[in-house]
Amino acid sequence: MNGQGFVQPGNALLGIDFPERGWHMELARLDGEGEPRFGGFHKNEVRPVDLAGLVPTLGGLAFRQARGLPGMPESCETTTEVFRVVLTAKRSAEPPVTWERMVAELRSWLGETPGGRRLA
């Protein structure tokens, strides 16, 4: 399950869609500036090693449920010193995807345990 990257103009946001999953991810700098490393992922495959190169500690970070508006898909978020990461359920997901499931699937994709240890 590799993702498909989409980058907004100015490299302000890296969106990653996982066609086989009921959720997608967004990664953006906290300062709102563009991230030059995002550019190479536009319309290209994003692998776990690629994401680990941007955010090495991602699998071990604590996610929290994001407050959304009524009727909006479930989402969760976390931050590092540089990035904000948001996982959002797709409206078309059946059955609906919980934020806990999104985090578990992300960690599994990254090859990590819930405590952030790399699996052998």
Foldseek 3Di string as FASTA:
>chain_A
DWWQWAADPQQQKIKTDDVVDQKIKIKGWPVSHHDVLRVVRHRHTHALVNVCVVPVQVLQFDKDWDDDDPPAFTKIWDADNTMIMMMTGHPPDVPGDHHVNVSVVVNVRNQHDNNRDHHD
